[in-house]
Amino acid sequence: IVANQASRSLSLNNSSLQKSLQRLSSGSRIASPADDAGGLAVSMRLSASIKRARGVESNINNAISLNQVQDGALATTASILDRMSELRSFADDVTKNSSDIANYNTEFQQLRNQMKNIVGEQFNGISLFASGGSATFGQTTPTANVLSVYTTEAGAGGSAVISLSKLALESALNVRGAGSNVVNATFAAGSNLAAESTDTVSLQSFSVAEITQAIENVATLRANNAALNSRMQFAVDQLQTNTTNIEAANSRIFDVDVAKESAVFARNQVLVQSSTAMLAQANGLTGMALSLLG
């Protein structure tokens, strides 16, 4: 009976030792579902949430990249408009003959063609700007030209979303004949500072005020772009903070406390060794009974 009791103690202590060994070797407090079924379920949900959050962070960073490319295109457009403004001033020089002005106009037309190319730029197959009259500068962007950037791990099921618009650049350059308005309400190549090579409306057809208005419009687009970029940067910061806190919460549930478990492991080692020794002693007690028969 004593040997059986010692054997049972050895079995229990050995099982505890193996469990401590599994926890320390794997780094997981939950070596098997039976250790903490509820905690395992919570940990699985948190782990999935963390992975989704990391995916969302990557998505936002991609949106920031698109936004930065968009701003680069706007910066180039602003430089072209500066040159156009300069050419328009040269065309008013009374010392220039018609041949000189024609030379200015040649460059002006090339710059219009280049801005048309910028309007058609893409990022990974996605248009950076709204084409033609599909969006009007200064008005609400149509849904078809809005990209939704989700900023939480809830994704489309959540309410946290940033609307990234395909800016109405071509409309912002549609200034000829706009009068006191920001842009011409009627979209047409001849009214636009960005045009295909087939449209050759002359340099002098655009007034200095109209080109200046186009510069102001592009400046507004860049300001909107910068504001959106700032918001997305803060969204990434918030997401990283949340992810870090969720990871910490998951670690408390799932990861082993190495210091505590090391102490438990040492205790179980002593108990296994002690149980083994006592089992040997218990098995030896039968020899005393046999000696009486000798």
Protein backbone atom coordinates (compact mmCIF):
# COMPACT_ATOMS: atom_id res chain seq x y z
CA ILE A 1 0.00 0.00 0.00
CA VAL A 2 2.78 2.40 0.89
CA ALA A 3 4.54 1.59 -2.39
CA ASN A 4 1.32 2.28 -4.32
CA GLN A 5 0.90 5.64 -2.58
CA ALA A 6 4.51 6.56 -3.30
CA SER A 7 4.06 5.50 -6.94
CA ARG A 8 0.98 7.70 -7.26
CA SER A 9 2.85 10.69 -5.77
CA LEU A 10 5.72 10.11 -8.18
CA SER A 11 3.30 10.01 -11.11
CA LEU A 12 1.62 13.28 -10.10
CA ASN A 13 4.92 15.06 -9.44
CA ASN A 14 6.36 13.82 -12.71
CA SER A 15 3.28 15.08 -14.57
CA SER A 16 3.66 18.52 -12.95
CA LEU A 17 7.37 18.53 -13.84
CA GLN A 18 6.61 17.73 -17.48
CA LYS A 19 3.99 20.49 -17.62
CA SER A 20 6.47 23.03 -16.23
CA LEU A 21 9.03 21.83 -18.75
CA GLN A 22 6.52 22.28 -21.60
CA ARG A 23 5.65 25.79 -20.45
CA LEU A 24 9.27 26.88 -20.14
CA SER A 25 10.32 25.32 -23.45
CA SER A 26 7.36 26.72 -25.42
CA GLY A 27 7.06 30.04 -23.60
CA SER A 28 3.30 29.46 -23.30
CA ARG A 29 1.42 29.38 -20.01
CA ILE A 30 -1.34 27.36 -21.68
CA ALA A 31 0.51 24.18 -22.61
CA SER A 32 -2.76 22.45 -23.46
CA PRO A 33 -6.39 23.68 -23.77
CA ALA A 34 -7.21 21.96 -20.49
CA ASP A 35 -4.87 24.36 -18.64
CA ASP A 36 -7.16 27.36 -19.30
CA ALA A 37 -9.90 26.79 -21.87
CA GLY A 38 -11.46 30.23 -21.38
CA GLY A 39 -8.10 32.00 -21.52
CA LEU A 40 -7.19 30.13 -24.70
CA ALA A 41 -10.41 31.30 -26.38
CA VAL A 42 -9.73 34.92 -25.41
CA SER A 43 -6.11 34.64 -26.55
CA MET A 44 -7.16 33.28 -29.95
CA ARG A 45 -9.50 36.25 -30.48
CA LEU A 46 -6.84 38.72 -29.39
CA SER A 47 -4.22 37.11 -31.66
CA ALA A 48 -6.56 37.38 -34.65
CA SER A 49 -7.28 41.00 -33.75
CA ILE A 50 -3.55 41.78 -33.61
CA LYS A 51 -2.95 40.26 -37.05
CA ARG A 52 -5.86 42.21 -38.54
CA ALA A 53 -4.56 45.42 -36.96
CA ARG A 54 -1.14 44.86 -38.53
CA GLY A 55 -2.82 44.35 -41.89
CA VAL A 56 -4.77 47.59 -41.46
CA GLU A 57 -1.57 49.41 -40.53
CA SER A 58 -0.02 48.21 -43.78
CA ASN A 59 -3.10 49.38 -45.69
CA ILE A 60 -2.93 52.87 -44.16
CA ASN A 61 0.78 53.14 -44.95
CA ASN A 62 -0.01 52.22 -48.56
CA ALA A 63 -2.66 54.94 -48.62
CA ILE A 64 -0.09 57.40 -47.26
CA SER A 65 2.25 56.39 -50.09
CA LEU A 66 -0.51 57.05 -52.63
CA ASN A 67 -1.16 60.40 -50.97
CA GLN A 68 2.52 61.32 -51.17
CA VAL A 69 2.71 60.42 -54.86
CA GLN A 70 -0.39 62.52 -55.40
CA ASP A 71 1.26 65.48 -53.67
CA GLY A 72 4.39 65.04 -55.79
CA ALA A 73 2.26 65.31 -58.93
CA LEU A 74 0.59 68.45 -57.54
CA ALA A 75 3.97 69.98 -56.75
CA THR A 76 5.08 69.41 -60.35
CA THR A 77 1.83 70.92 -61.60
CA ALA A 78 2.43 74.00 -59.45
CA SER A 79 5.90 74.40 -60.98
CA ILE A 80 4.45 74.14 -64.48
CA LEU A 81 1.84 76.77 -63.64
CA ASP A 82 4.57 79.09 -62.38
CA ARG A 83 6.30 78.77 -65.73
CA MET A 84 3.03 79.31 -67.59
CA SER A 85 2.45 82.47 -65.57
CA GLU A 86 5.93 83.65 -66.53
CA LEU A 87 5.32 82.91 -70.22
CA ARG A 88 2.04 84.81 -70.08
CA SER A 89 3.87 87.84 -68.72
CA PHE A 90 6.47 87.57 -71.49
CA ALA A 91 3.67 87.62 -74.05
CA ASP A 92 2.65 91.09 -72.86
CA ASP A 93 6.10 92.52 -73.60
CA VAL A 94 5.65 95.25 -76.19
CA THR A 95 9.19 94.69 -77.45
CA LYS A 96 8.37 91.12 -78.55
CA ASN A 97 7.23 90.51 -82.11
CA SER A 98 4.73 87.89 -83.24
CA SER A 99 7.49 85.34 -83.84
CA ASP A 100 8.73 85.71 -80.25
CA ILE A 101 5.24 85.25 -78.88
CA ALA A 102 4.74 82.19 -81.09
CA ASN A 103 7.85 80.67 -79.51
CA TYR A 104 6.42 81.28 -76.05
CA ASN A 105 3.17 79.73 -77.18
CA THR A 106 5.01 76.60 -78.38
CA GLU A 107 6.37 76.01 -74.89
CA PHE A 108 2.99 76.84 -73.40
CA GLN A 109 1.29 74.11 -75.46
CA GLN A 110 3.92 71.56 -74.44
CA LEU A 111 3.33 72.43 -70.80
CA ARG A 112 -0.42 71.96 -71.27
CA ASN A 113 0.27 68.51 -72.71
CA GLN A 114 2.50 67.62 -69.76
CA MET A 115 -0.16 68.65 -67.25
CA LYS A 116 -2.63 66.44 -69.10
CA ASN A 117 -0.20 63.56 -68.60
CA ILE A 118 -0.02 64.36 -64.87
CA VAL A 119 -3.81 64.32 -64.60
CA GLY A 120 -3.76 60.76 -65.94
CA GLU A 121 -1.11 59.43 -63.51
CA GLN A 122 -1.81 56.25 -61.53
CA PHE A 123 -0.55 54.48 -58.42
CA ASN A 124 -0.57 50.69 -58.80
CA GLY A 125 -3.31 50.99 -61.41
CA ILE A 126 -5.42 53.42 -59.35
CA SER A 127 -5.96 56.90 -60.80
CA LEU A 128 -4.60 59.70 -58.63
CA PHE A 129 -6.96 62.32 -60.01
CA ALA A 130 -10.57 62.48 -61.16
CA SER A 131 -10.73 62.52 -64.93
CA GLY A 132 -12.47 65.14 -67.04
CA GLY A 133 -15.65 66.54 -65.60
CA SER A 134 -16.30 63.55 -63.28
CA ALA A 135 -15.54 65.80 -60.29
CA THR A 136 -15.71 69.58 -59.92
CA PHE A 137 -13.15 71.52 -57.94
CA GLY A 138 -14.60 73.04 -54.79
CA GLN A 139 -17.58 70.70 -54.68
CA THR A 140 -18.27 67.40 -52.94
CA THR A 141 -16.29 64.57 -54.55
CA PRO A 142 -18.56 61.96 -56.17
CA THR A 143 -18.56 58.54 -54.50
CA ALA A 144 -16.93 56.95 -57.56
CA ASN A 145 -13.84 59.09 -56.94
CA VAL A 146 -13.54 58.36 -53.21
CA LEU A 147 -11.28 55.62 -51.77
CA SER A 148 -12.22 54.37 -48.29
CA VAL A 149 -9.28 53.79 -45.94
CA TYR A 150 -10.34 51.80 -42.86
CA THR A 151 -8.33 52.66 -39.77
CA THR A 152 -9.26 49.92 -37.28
CA GLU A 153 -9.07 46.14 -37.30
CA ALA A 154 -12.87 46.06 -37.63
CA GLY A 155 -12.37 46.97 -41.30
CA ALA A 156 -15.47 47.69 -43.38
CA GLY A 157 -17.61 46.60 -40.45
CA GLY A 158 -16.44 49.54 -38.35
CA SER A 159 -17.19 53.25 -38.51
CA ALA A 160 -13.59 54.51 -38.46
CA VAL A 161 -12.85 55.37 -42.08
CA ILE A 162 -10.87 58.06 -43.90
CA SER A 163 -12.08 59.17 -47.31
CA LEU A 164 -9.16 59.50 -49.70
CA SER A 165 -10.32 61.41 -52.76
CA LYS A 166 -9.09 61.36 -56.32
CA LEU A 167 -8.55 65.09 -56.45
CA ALA A 168 -10.30 67.17 -59.11
CA LEU A 169 -7.04 68.47 -60.59
CA GLU A 170 -8.27 68.73 -64.17
CA SER A 171 -11.31 70.67 -63.01
CA ALA A 172 -9.08 72.97 -60.94
CA LEU A 173 -7.22 73.85 -64.16
CA ASN A 174 -10.45 74.55 -66.06
CA VAL A 175 -10.23 78.31 -65.51
CA ARG A 176 -10.60 79.99 -68.91
CA GLY A 177 -13.78 82.04 -69.00
CA ALA A 178 -14.53 81.33 -65.33
CA GLY A 179 -14.93 85.03 -64.57
CA SER A 180 -15.37 85.58 -60.85
CA ASN A 181 -15.88 81.86 -60.27
CA VAL A 182 -13.06 79.54 -59.23
CA VAL A 183 -13.44 77.28 -62.28
CA ASN A 184 -15.45 77.23 -65.47
CA ALA A 185 -18.70 75.36 -64.86
CA THR A 186 -18.59 73.99 -68.42
CA PHE A 187 -15.78 71.48 -68.73
CA ALA A 188 -13.95 71.77 -72.04
CA ALA A 189 -10.41 71.28 -73.32
CA GLY A 190 -10.29 74.85 -74.59
CA SER A 191 -11.03 76.14 -71.10
CA ASN A 192 -8.39 73.98 -69.49
CA LEU A 193 -4.72 74.64 -68.86
CA ALA A 194 -4.22 70.88 -69.20
CA ALA A 195 -5.05 69.62 -72.68
CA GLU A 196 -4.25 67.03 -75.30
CA SER A 197 -1.96 67.97 -78.18
CA THR A 198 -5.01 68.31 -80.43
CA ASP A 199 -6.12 71.40 -78.48
CA THR A 200 -4.00 74.47 -79.25
CA VAL A 201 -5.77 77.38 -77.57
CA SER A 202 -3.13 80.09 -77.55
CA LEU A 203 -1.22 81.42 -74.59
CA GLN A 204 -2.83 84.84 -74.87
CA SER A 205 -6.31 83.30 -74.69
CA PHE A 206 -5.69 82.77 -70.96
CA SER A 207 -5.45 85.86 -68.79
CA VAL A 208 -2.88 86.35 -66.04
CA ALA A 209 -5.74 86.30 -63.51
CA GLU A 210 -6.95 82.91 -64.79
CA ILE A 211 -3.52 81.33 -64.53
CA THR A 212 -3.11 82.85 -61.07
CA GLN A 213 -6.46 81.34 -60.10
CA ALA A 214 -5.27 77.93 -61.28
CA ILE A 215 -2.18 78.29 -59.08
CA GLU A 216 -4.42 79.07 -56.09
CA ASN A 217 -6.60 76.07 -56.89
CA VAL A 218 -3.62 73.71 -56.96
CA ALA A 219 -2.40 75.22 -53.68
CA THR A 220 -5.78 74.38 -52.16
CA LEU A 221 -5.54 70.80 -53.43
CA ARG A 222 -2.08 70.47 -51.89
CA ALA A 223 -3.38 71.82 -48.57
CA ASN A 224 -6.20 69.25 -48.59
CA ASN A 225 -3.70 66.54 -49.47
CA ALA A 226 -1.39 67.55 -46.61
CA ALA A 227 -4.25 67.64 -44.09
CA LEU A 228 -5.34 64.15 -45.09
CA ASN A 229 -1.77 62.88 -44.89
CA SER A 230 -1.45 64.26 -41.36
CA ARG A 231 -4.67 62.53 -40.33
CA MET A 232 -3.53 59.19 -41.71
CA GLN A 233 -0.20 59.47 -39.90
CA PHE A 234 -2.07 59.95 -36.60
CA ALA A 235 -4.32 57.00 -37.50
CA VAL A 236 -1.20 54.83 -37.85
CA ASP A 237 0.10 56.08 -34.49
CA GLN A 238 -3.22 55.25 -32.80
CA LEU A 239 -3.35 51.82 -34.41
CA GLN A 240 0.20 51.03 -33.30
CA THR A 241 -0.63 52.07 -29.73
CA ASN A 242 -3.75 49.90 -29.68
CA THR A 243 -1.88 46.95 -31.15
CA THR A 244 0.86 47.24 -28.52
CA ASN A 245 -1.70 47.28 -25.70
CA ILE A 246 -3.60 44.29 -27.12
CA GLU A 247 -0.33 42.37 -27.49
CA ALA A 248 0.44 43.10 -23.83
CA ALA A 249 -3.03 41.88 -22.79
CA ASN A 250 -2.63 38.70 -24.85
CA SER A 251 0.81 38.10 -23.35
CA ARG A 252 -0.60 38.22 -19.82
CA ILE A 253 -3.08 35.51 -20.75
CA PHE A 254 -1.01 33.23 -22.92
CA ASP A 255 2.70 33.72 -22.22
CA VAL A 256 4.44 32.01 -19.34
CA ASP A 257 5.87 33.92 -16.38
CA VAL A 258 9.41 32.54 -16.67
CA ALA A 259 10.53 33.54 -13.16
CA LYS A 260 7.48 32.02 -11.50
CA GLU A 261 7.48 28.88 -13.64
CA SER A 262 11.21 28.35 -13.05
CA ALA A 263 10.53 28.22 -9.31
CA VAL A 264 7.69 25.74 -9.89
CA PHE A 265 9.98 23.66 -12.11
CA ALA A 266 12.67 23.53 -9.41
CA ARG A 267 10.08 22.52 -6.80
CA ASN A 268 8.73 19.74 -9.02
CA GLN A 269 12.26 18.48 -9.68
CA VAL A 270 12.83 18.11 -5.94
CA LEU A 271 9.46 16.39 -5.49
CA VAL A 272 10.13 13.91 -8.31
CA GLN A 273 13.52 13.05 -6.86
CA SER A 274 12.04 12.70 -3.38
CA SER A 275 9.13 10.57 -4.64
CA THR A 276 11.53 8.31 -6.50
CA ALA A 277 13.63 7.81 -3.40
CA MET A 278 10.59 7.14 -1.21
CA LEU A 279 9.20 4.64 -3.73
CA ALA A 280 12.49 2.77 -3.54
CA GLN A 281 12.23 2.79 0.24
CA ALA A 282 8.61 1.57 0.13
CA ASN A 283 9.53 -1.26 -2.21
CA GLY A 284 12.24 -2.29 0.26
CA LEU A 285 9.76 -2.71 3.11
CA THR A 286 8.61 -6.05 1.70
CA GLY A 287 12.09 -7.42 2.32
CA MET A 288 11.53 -7.06 6.06
CA ALA A 289 8.50 -9.37 5.93
CA LEU A 290 10.40 -11.94 3.86
CA SER A 291 13.26 -11.99 6.36
CA LEU A 292 10.87 -13.29 9.02
CA LEU A 293 10.11 -16.28 6.78
CA GLY A 294 13.80 -17.00 6.30
